[in-house]
Amino acid sequence: MDDLQNKIGYYFKNKDLLRESLTHSSYANEHKSQHLKYNERLEFLGDSVLSFVVSDYIFKNCPNLPEGELTKLRASLVCEKTLFEFAKKINLGKYLFFSKGEQINGGAERPSILADAFEALIAAIYIDGGISNASKFILNFIIPAIKNSRVNKLKDYKTTLQEIIQKNPGEMIEYVLINESGPPHNKHFVVEVHLNSNVIGKGGGRSKKEAEQQAAREALELMGY
């Protein structure tokens, strides 16, 4: 447990909370005489803390996203698949307490178990150290994930549009800057994407690249993709 605390950068005042967050129900059932607490209740609380912290962060830091896009982004950040990846980054399975049977059956590598344990760990930090420490822990994972998500989305719009256009030999797309405004530290660019000489999309952003991506996105939407 000391190794895990060093890894996450948080040191528990109440070590029993940490142990509870790492205890799977199978281990508690195997040691019934010890009346051990296991992590399912903490998982319940951690799920809510995680959702709140992520919602608060993306609401404040993604001001241009409408409600529907915020909901999709949050869902992608708190889903089992993403939490499993977060848990693997700190090798969380290594620190969990399992029954012998669950250990043999690969419980330490099972996505659902690791995702649940990650939420339980969030709750343990929240109870032990408050929302600021829980937020710090969560955002260490969430912020890079959001940046990676944005990069991948930006890549997808232009790449997808290019791939579609290439299926029709002789057709060309061109991105045309039609407006640039704002002070140097807060520029806004507007770009049109042309198919041959026809405007098929228009988008804006804080950089030319972002504006191009938004133009490509609009073009894809208009084309039914």
C-alpha atoms as a PDB file:
ATOM      1  CA  MET A   1       0.000   0.000   0.000  1.00  0.00           C
ATOM      2  CA  ASP A   2       2.943   2.345   0.594  1.00  0.00           C
ATOM      3  CA  ASP A   3       4.071   1.713  -2.966  1.00  0.00           C
ATOM      4  CA  LEU A   4       0.613   2.616  -4.313  1.00  0.00           C
ATOM      5  CA  GLN A   5       0.492   5.801  -2.239  1.00  0.00           C
ATOM      6  CA  ASN A   6       3.864   6.853  -3.636  1.00  0.00           C
ATOM      7  CA  LYS A   7       2.585   6.151  -7.126  1.00  0.00           C
ATOM      8  CA  ILE A   8      -0.623   8.213  -6.809  1.00  0.00           C
ATOM      9  CA  GLY A   9       0.976  10.996  -4.773  1.00  0.00           C
ATOM     10  CA  TYR A  10      -1.569  10.833  -1.964  1.00  0.00           C
ATOM     11  CA  TYR A  11      -0.867   9.537   1.550  1.00  0.00           C
ATOM     12  CA  PHE A  12      -3.804   8.380   3.636  1.00  0.00           C
ATOM     13  CA  LYS A  13      -4.378   9.491   7.188  1.00  0.00           C
ATOM     14  CA  ASN A  14      -6.720   6.508   7.586  1.00  0.00           C
ATOM     15  CA  LYS A  15      -4.999   3.504   6.021  1.00  0.00           C
ATOM     16  CA  ASP A  16      -8.100   1.374   6.653  1.00  0.00           C
ATOM     17  CA  LEU A  17      -9.905   3.362   3.956  1.00  0.00           C
ATOM     18  CA  LEU A  18      -7.213   2.566   1.448  1.00  0.00           C
ATOM     19  CA  ARG A  19      -7.309  -1.122   2.330  1.00  0.00           C
ATOM     20  CA  GLU A  20     -11.110  -1.157   2.020  1.00  0.00           C
ATOM     21  CA  SER A  21     -10.900   0.404  -1.437  1.00  0.00           C
ATOM     22  CA  LEU A  22      -8.512  -2.363  -2.509  1.00  0.00           C
ATOM     23  CA  THR A  23     -10.494  -5.266  -1.037  1.00  0.00           C
ATOM     24  CA  HIS A  24     -12.630  -7.254  -3.463  1.00  0.00           C
ATOM     25  CA  SER A  25     -15.787  -8.912  -2.154  1.00  0.00           C
ATOM     26  CA  SER A  26     -14.315 -12.355  -2.887  1.00  0.00           C
ATOM     27  CA  TYR A  27     -11.487 -11.723  -0.411  1.00  0.00           C
ATOM     28  CA  ALA A  28     -13.922 -10.544   2.293  1.00  0.00           C
ATOM     29  CA  ASN A  29     -16.083 -13.636   1.738  1.00  0.00           C
ATOM     30  CA  GLU A  30     -13.045 -15.906   1.964  1.00  0.00           C
ATOM     31  CA  HIS A  31     -12.132 -14.314   5.310  1.00  0.00           C
ATOM     32  CA  LYS A  32     -15.598 -13.940   6.842  1.00  0.00           C
ATOM     33  CA  SER A  33     -14.340 -14.424  10.366  1.00  0.00           C
ATOM     34  CA  GLN A  34     -12.390 -11.162  10.076  1.00  0.00           C
ATOM     35  CA  HIS A  35     -15.522  -9.138   9.172  1.00  0.00           C
ATOM     36  CA  LEU A  36     -13.611  -7.207   6.516  1.00  0.00           C
ATOM     37  CA  LYS A  37     -15.086  -4.297   4.615  1.00  0.00           C
ATOM     38  CA  TYR A  38     -14.873  -4.527   0.830  1.00  0.00           C
ATOM     39  CA  ASN A  39     -14.985  -1.846  -1.827  1.00  0.00           C
ATOM     40  CA  GLU A  40     -18.502  -1.957  -3.317  1.00  0.00           C
ATOM     41  CA  ARG A  41     -19.923   0.844  -1.161  1.00  0.00           C
ATOM     42  CA  LEU A  42     -16.889   3.013  -1.886  1.00  0.00           C
ATOM     43  CA  GLU A  43     -17.327   2.275  -5.592  1.00  0.00           C
ATOM     44  CA  PHE A  44     -20.882   3.674  -5.362  1.00  0.00           C
ATOM     45  CA  LEU A  45     -19.648   6.940  -3.866  1.00  0.00           C
ATOM     46  CA  GLY A  46     -16.599   7.158  -6.123  1.00  0.00           C
ATOM     47  CA  ASP A  47     -18.798   6.970  -9.205  1.00  0.00           C
ATOM     48  CA  SER A  48     -20.626  10.144  -8.109  1.00  0.00           C
ATOM     49  CA  VAL A  49     -17.446  12.000  -7.116  1.00  0.00           C
ATOM     50  CA  LEU A  50     -15.863  11.145 -10.463  1.00  0.00           C
ATOM     51  CA  SER A  51     -18.915  12.298 -12.404  1.00  0.00           C
ATOM     52  CA  PHE A  52     -19.041  15.592 -10.492  1.00  0.00           C
ATOM     53  CA  VAL A  53     -15.333  16.371 -10.925  1.00  0.00           C
ATOM     54  CA  VAL A  54     -15.386  15.545 -14.639  1.00  0.00           C
ATOM     55  CA  SER A  55     -18.600  17.526 -15.197  1.00  0.00           C
ATOM     56  CA  ASP A  56     -17.218  20.545 -13.358  1.00  0.00           C
ATOM     57  CA  TYR A  57     -13.940  20.447 -15.274  1.00  0.00           C
ATOM     58  CA  ILE A  58     -15.355  20.093 -18.777  1.00  0.00           C
ATOM     59  CA  PHE A  59     -18.096  22.682 -18.068  1.00  0.00           C
ATOM     60  CA  LYS A  60     -15.439  25.245 -17.126  1.00  0.00           C
ATOM     61  CA  ASN A  61     -12.794  24.282 -19.688  1.00  0.00           C
ATOM     62  CA  CYS A  62     -14.856  23.417 -22.760  1.00  0.00           C
ATOM     63  CA  PRO A  63     -17.010  26.584 -23.055  1.00  0.00           C
ATOM     64  CA  ASN A  64     -17.765  26.053 -26.740  1.00  0.00           C
ATOM     65  CA  LEU A  65     -19.280  22.587 -26.343  1.00  0.00           C
ATOM     66  CA  PRO A  66     -23.092  22.397 -26.237  1.00  0.00           C
ATOM     67  CA  GLU A  67     -24.871  20.275 -23.632  1.00  0.00           C
ATOM     68  CA  GLY A  68     -25.121  17.244 -25.888  1.00  0.00           C
ATOM     69  CA  GLU A  69     -21.389  17.231 -26.640  1.00  0.00           C
ATOM     70  CA  LEU A  70     -20.552  17.729 -22.947  1.00  0.00           C
ATOM     71  CA  THR A  71     -22.686  14.700 -22.104  1.00  0.00           C
ATOM     72  CA  LYS A  72     -20.934  12.576 -24.729  1.00  0.00           C
ATOM     73  CA  LEU A  73     -17.499  13.701 -23.561  1.00  0.00           C
ATOM     74  CA  ARG A  74     -18.285  12.967 -19.918  1.00  0.00           C
ATOM     75  CA  ALA A  75     -19.666   9.545 -20.810  1.00  0.00           C
ATOM     76  CA  SER A  76     -16.467   8.694 -22.687  1.00  0.00           C
ATOM     77  CA  LEU A  77     -14.340   9.741 -19.705  1.00  0.00           C
ATOM     78  CA  VAL A  78     -16.201   7.853 -16.966  1.00  0.00           C
ATOM     79  CA  CYS A  79     -17.015   4.630 -18.827  1.00  0.00           C
ATOM     80  CA  GLU A  80     -15.607   1.251 -17.807  1.00  0.00           C
ATOM     81  CA  LYS A  81     -13.195   1.112 -20.746  1.00  0.00           C
ATOM     82  CA  THR A  82     -11.574   4.451 -19.836  1.00  0.00           C
ATOM     83  CA  LEU A  83     -11.409   3.717 -16.112  1.00  0.00           C
ATOM     84  CA  PHE A  84      -9.811   0.357 -16.903  1.00  0.00           C
ATOM     85  CA  GLU A  85      -7.077   2.202 -18.819  1.00  0.00           C
ATOM     86  CA  PHE A  86      -6.595   4.623 -15.904  1.00  0.00           C
ATOM     87  CA  ALA A  87      -6.321   1.720 -13.465  1.00  0.00           C
ATOM     88  CA  LYS A  88      -3.714   0.013 -15.640  1.00  0.00           C
ATOM     89  CA  LYS A  89      -1.583   3.173 -15.608  1.00  0.00           C
ATOM     90  CA  ILE A  90      -1.021   2.746 -11.876  1.00  0.00           C
ATOM     91  CA  ASN A  91      -1.017  -1.074 -12.087  1.00  0.00           C
ATOM     92  CA  LEU A  92      -3.958  -1.106  -9.678  1.00  0.00           C
ATOM     93  CA  GLY A  93      -4.628  -4.815 -10.093  1.00  0.00           C
ATOM     94  CA  LYS A  94      -1.316  -5.562  -8.396  1.00  0.00           C
ATOM     95  CA  TYR A  95      -2.550  -4.032  -5.132  1.00  0.00           C
ATOM     96  CA  LEU A  96      -6.033  -5.567  -4.919  1.00  0.00           C
ATOM     97  CA  PHE A  97      -6.981  -8.221  -2.356  1.00  0.00           C
ATOM     98  CA  PHE A  98      -8.740 -11.193  -3.996  1.00  0.00           C
ATOM     99  CA  SER A  99      -9.797 -14.663  -2.978  1.00  0.00           C
ATOM    100  CA  LYS A 100      -7.495 -17.398  -4.223  1.00  0.00           C
ATOM    101  CA  GLY A 101     -10.100 -18.429  -6.797  1.00  0.00           C
ATOM    102  CA  GLU A 102     -10.586 -14.903  -8.144  1.00  0.00           C
ATOM    103  CA  GLN A 103      -6.839 -14.417  -8.319  1.00  0.00           C
ATOM    104  CA  ILE A 104      -6.434 -17.607 -10.355  1.00  0.00           C
ATOM    105  CA  ASN A 105      -9.303 -16.567 -12.647  1.00  0.00           C
ATOM    106  CA  GLY A 106      -7.542 -13.321 -13.575  1.00  0.00           C
ATOM    107  CA  GLY A 107      -9.496 -10.878 -11.424  1.00  0.00           C
ATOM    108  CA  ALA A 108      -6.519  -8.513 -11.316  1.00  0.00           C
ATOM    109  CA  GLU A 109      -6.811  -8.002 -15.073  1.00  0.00           C
ATOM    110  CA  ARG A 110     -10.589  -7.921 -15.480  1.00  0.00           C
ATOM    111  CA  PRO A 111     -11.792  -4.511 -16.791  1.00  0.00           C
ATOM    112  CA  SER A 112     -14.962  -4.363 -14.682  1.00  0.00           C
ATOM    113  CA  ILE A 113     -13.102  -5.141 -11.451  1.00  0.00           C
ATOM    114  CA  LEU A 114     -10.301  -2.659 -12.123  1.00  0.00           C
ATOM    115  CA  ALA A 115     -12.732   0.095 -13.143  1.00  0.00           C
ATOM    116  CA  ASP A 116     -14.763  -0.462  -9.967  1.00  0.00           C
ATOM    117  CA  ALA A 117     -11.625  -0.444  -7.821  1.00  0.00           C
ATOM    118  CA  PHE A 118     -10.513   2.821  -9.412  1.00  0.00           C
ATOM    119  CA  GLU A 119     -13.834   4.409  -8.408  1.00  0.00           C
ATOM    120  CA  ALA A 120     -13.479   2.974  -4.903  1.00  0.00           C
ATOM    121  CA  LEU A 121     -10.008   4.513  -4.630  1.00  0.00           C
ATOM    122  CA  ILE A 122     -11.468   7.881  -5.651  1.00  0.00           C
ATOM    123  CA  ALA A 123     -14.039   7.618  -2.853  1.00  0.00           C
ATOM    124  CA  ALA A 124     -11.389   6.641  -0.306  1.00  0.00           C
ATOM    125  CA  ILE A 125      -9.320   9.708  -1.205  1.00  0.00           C
ATOM    126  CA  TYR A 126     -12.448  11.891  -1.062  1.00  0.00           C
ATOM    127  CA  ILE A 127     -13.432  10.657   2.420  1.00  0.00           C
ATOM    128  CA  ASP A 128      -9.865  10.833   3.744  1.00  0.00           C
ATOM    129  CA  GLY A 129      -8.723  14.092   2.151  1.00  0.00           C
ATOM    130  CA  GLY A 130     -11.728  15.971   0.769  1.00  0.00           C
ATOM    131  CA  ILE A 131     -12.841  16.985  -2.705  1.00  0.00           C
ATOM    132  CA  SER A 132      -9.664  18.943  -3.558  1.00  0.00           C
ATOM    133  CA  ASN A 133      -7.442  15.877  -3.175  1.00  0.00           C
ATOM    134  CA  ALA A 134      -9.952  13.678  -4.982  1.00  0.00           C
ATOM    135  CA  SER A 135     -10.122  16.206  -7.829  1.00  0.00           C
ATOM    136  CA  LYS A 136      -6.344  16.396  -8.088  1.00  0.00           C
ATOM    137  CA  PHE A 137      -6.128  12.613  -8.350  1.00  0.00           C
ATOM    138  CA  ILE A 138      -8.916  12.388 -10.950  1.00  0.00           C
ATOM    139  CA  LEU A 139      -7.678  15.262 -13.121  1.00  0.00           C
ATOM    140  CA  ASN A 140      -4.210  13.712 -13.373  1.00  0.00           C
ATOM    141  CA  PHE A 141      -5.917  11.147 -15.596  1.00  0.00           C
ATOM    142  CA  ILE A 142      -8.791  13.160 -17.084  1.00  0.00           C
ATOM    143  CA  ILE A 143      -6.893  16.143 -18.503  1.00  0.00           C
ATOM    144  CA  PRO A 144      -4.494  14.054 -20.645  1.00  0.00           C
ATOM    145  CA  ALA A 145      -7.448  11.904 -21.754  1.00  0.00           C
ATOM    146  CA  ILE A 146      -9.389  14.991 -22.894  1.00  0.00           C
ATOM    147  CA  LYS A 147      -6.405  16.324 -24.806  1.00  0.00           C
ATOM    148  CA  ASN A 148      -5.893  12.964 -26.465  1.00  0.00           C
ATOM    149  CA  SER A 149      -9.589  12.767 -27.296  1.00  0.00           C
ATOM    150  CA  ARG A 150      -9.503  16.198 -28.946  1.00  0.00           C
ATOM    151  CA  VAL A 151      -6.409  15.349 -30.972  1.00  0.00           C
ATOM    152  CA  ASN A 152      -8.004  12.147 -32.227  1.00  0.00           C
ATOM    153  CA  LYS A 153     -11.257  13.885 -33.119  1.00  0.00           C
ATOM    154  CA  LEU A 154      -9.466  16.647 -34.991  1.00  0.00           C
ATOM    155  CA  LYS A 155      -7.508  14.086 -36.933  1.00  0.00           C
ATOM    156  CA  ASP A 156     -10.646  12.119 -37.740  1.00  0.00           C
ATOM    157  CA  TYR A 157     -12.668  14.939 -39.355  1.00  0.00           C
ATOM    158  CA  LYS A 158     -10.126  15.951 -41.997  1.00  0.00           C
ATOM    159  CA  THR A 159      -8.866  12.439 -42.572  1.00  0.00           C
ATOM    160  CA  THR A 160     -12.380  11.055 -42.942  1.00  0.00           C
ATOM    161  CA  LEU A 161     -13.398  13.782 -45.386  1.00  0.00           C
ATOM    162  CA  GLN A 162     -10.239  13.271 -47.429  1.00  0.00           C
ATOM    163  CA  GLU A 163     -10.836   9.530 -47.611  1.00  0.00           C
ATOM    164  CA  ILE A 164     -14.396  10.059 -48.833  1.00  0.00           C
ATOM    165  CA  ILE A 165     -13.397  12.572 -51.514  1.00  0.00           C
ATOM    166  CA  GLN A 166     -10.579  10.331 -52.750  1.00  0.00           C
ATOM    167  CA  LYS A 167     -13.157   7.709 -53.732  1.00  0.00           C
ATOM    168  CA  ASN A 168     -14.196  10.041 -56.564  1.00  0.00           C
ATOM    169  CA  PRO A 169     -11.206  10.620 -58.875  1.00  0.00           C
ATOM    170  CA  GLY A 170     -10.887  14.146 -60.190  1.00  0.00           C
ATOM    171  CA  GLU A 171     -12.534  15.856 -57.205  1.00  0.00           C
ATOM    172  CA  MET A 172     -10.457  18.080 -54.942  1.00  0.00           C
ATOM    173  CA  ILE A 173     -10.982  19.727 -51.593  1.00  0.00           C
ATOM    174  CA  GLU A 174      -9.390  22.992 -50.514  1.00  0.00           C
ATOM    175  CA  TYR A 175      -9.464  24.850 -47.193  1.00  0.00           C
ATOM    176  CA  VAL A 176      -9.841  28.622 -47.585  1.00  0.00           C
ATOM    177  CA  LEU A 177      -9.301  31.153 -44.772  1.00  0.00           C
ATOM    178  CA  ILE A 178     -12.101  33.724 -45.072  1.00  0.00           C
ATOM    179  CA  ASN A 179     -11.765  35.662 -41.813  1.00  0.00           C
ATOM    180  CA  GLU A 180      -9.266  36.328 -39.025  1.00  0.00           C
ATOM    181  CA  SER A 181     -10.131  38.461 -36.008  1.00  0.00           C
ATOM    182  CA  GLY A 182      -9.223  39.180 -32.402  1.00  0.00           C
ATOM    183  CA  PRO A 183      -6.043  40.234 -30.560  1.00  0.00           C
ATOM    184  CA  PRO A 184      -2.840  38.166 -30.943  1.00  0.00           C
ATOM    185  CA  HIS A 185      -3.440  36.227 -27.715  1.00  0.00           C
ATOM    186  CA  ASN A 186      -7.043  35.364 -28.583  1.00  0.00           C
ATOM    187  CA  LYS A 187      -7.340  34.964 -32.339  1.00  0.00           C
ATOM    188  CA  HIS A 188     -10.385  33.560 -34.092  1.00  0.00           C
ATOM    189  CA  PHE A 189     -10.210  32.067 -37.563  1.00  0.00           C
ATOM    190  CA  VAL A 190     -13.002  31.147 -39.963  1.00  0.00           C
ATOM    191  CA  VAL A 191     -12.341  28.645 -42.741  1.00  0.00           C
ATOM    192  CA  GLU A 192     -14.418  27.259 -45.598  1.00  0.00           C
ATOM    193  CA  VAL A 193     -13.817  23.879 -47.164  1.00  0.00           C
ATOM    194  CA  HIS A 194     -14.410  23.801 -50.912  1.00  0.00           C
ATOM    195  CA  LEU A 195     -15.186  20.747 -53.017  1.00  0.00           C
ATOM    196  CA  ASN A 196     -13.929  21.841 -56.431  1.00  0.00           C
ATOM    197  CA  SER A 197     -15.409  25.369 -56.353  1.00  0.00           C
ATOM    198  CA  ASN A 198     -18.396  24.676 -54.084  1.00  0.00           C
ATOM    199  CA  VAL A 199     -18.487  25.485 -50.368  1.00  0.00           C
ATOM    200  CA  ILE A 200     -19.399  22.307 -48.486  1.00  0.00           C
ATOM    201  CA  GLY A 201     -18.508  23.341 -44.944  1.00  0.00           C
ATOM    202  CA  LYS A 202     -17.546  26.245 -42.726  1.00  0.00           C
ATOM    203  CA  GLY A 203     -15.920  26.306 -39.299  1.00  0.00           C
ATOM    204  CA  GLY A 204     -14.225  28.515 -36.734  1.00  0.00           C
ATOM    205  CA  GLY A 205     -11.556  28.078 -34.098  1.00  0.00           C
ATOM    206  CA  ARG A 206      -8.638  29.574 -32.217  1.00  0.00           C
ATOM    207  CA  SER A 207      -6.208  28.299 -34.827  1.00  0.00           C
ATOM    208  CA  LYS A 208      -6.382  27.716 -38.565  1.00  0.00           C
ATOM    209  CA  LYS A 209      -6.061  23.987 -38.003  1.00  0.00           C
ATOM    210  CA  GLU A 210      -8.973  23.908 -35.569  1.00  0.00           C
ATOM    211  CA  ALA A 211     -11.105  25.982 -37.950  1.00  0.00           C
ATOM    212  CA  GLU A 212     -10.271  23.594 -40.800  1.00  0.00           C
ATOM    213  CA  GLN A 213     -11.281  20.642 -38.680  1.00  0.00           C
ATOM    214  CA  GLN A 214     -14.606  22.241 -37.778  1.00  0.00           C
ATOM    215  CA  ALA A 215     -15.215  23.030 -41.459  1.00  0.00           C
ATOM    216  CA  ALA A 216     -14.507  19.386 -42.298  1.00  0.00           C
ATOM    217  CA  ARG A 217     -16.854  18.312 -39.522  1.00  0.00           C
ATOM    218  CA  GLU A 218     -19.683  20.438 -40.932  1.00  0.00           C
ATOM    219  CA  ALA A 219     -19.024  19.053 -44.399  1.00  0.00           C
ATOM    220  CA  LEU A 220     -19.275  15.494 -43.060  1.00  0.00           C
ATOM    221  CA  GLU A 221     -22.537  16.295 -41.309  1.00  0.00           C
ATOM    222  CA  LEU A 222     -24.004  17.845 -44.467  1.00  0.00           C
ATOM    223  CA  MET A 223     -22.925  14.766 -46.419  1.00  0.00           C
ATOM    224  CA  GLY A 224     -24.707  12.539 -43.922  1.00  0.00           C
ATOM    225  CA  TYR A 225     -21.691  11.085 -42.103  1.00  0.00           C
END
